[in-house]
Amino acid sequence: QVQLVESGGGLVQAGASLRLSCVASGPSFNNNVMAWFRQVPGKERVFVAGISWGGGSTVYADSVKGRFTISRDNAKNTVYLQMDSLKPEDTALYYCAARRTGVPTIRTAEDEYANWGQGTQVTVSS
């Protein structure tokens, strides 16, 4: 079982940057596909970005391509989401998620992810 703790959220103005971090506990982080999702009140969680075991493959939602970058440091059991050129519509609760250990494929569906953090709030003012 992978436990995930996110940090780095906050209140920023449009155009600013934030970097979210997610620290994972457990012996097999290197073999977990990791992803970031986000959710606004009253709506479902949606996929933002995903990254493969070694970090060589990434997938992004169209809404964040060119502005957000997902990365990971397996030595630190940490995955990051660098968010640049933030927009008010990026306001959401951001969740870190891990696929089941040993499953290599990045997926965008919420139910493909077995472990979730508690979320970190990102608010972008106009």
Foldseek 3Di string as FASTA:
>chain_A
DKAKAKDWADEEAAQAKTKMKIAIDDDQLLQWKKFKWWDDPPDDIWTAKIAFSVRPDMDGDPVQPPFWDWGDDVVRRMIMIIGGRDDQVVWTWMKMFIADGNDTDDDTDPVRTDYIYPTDTHGYHD
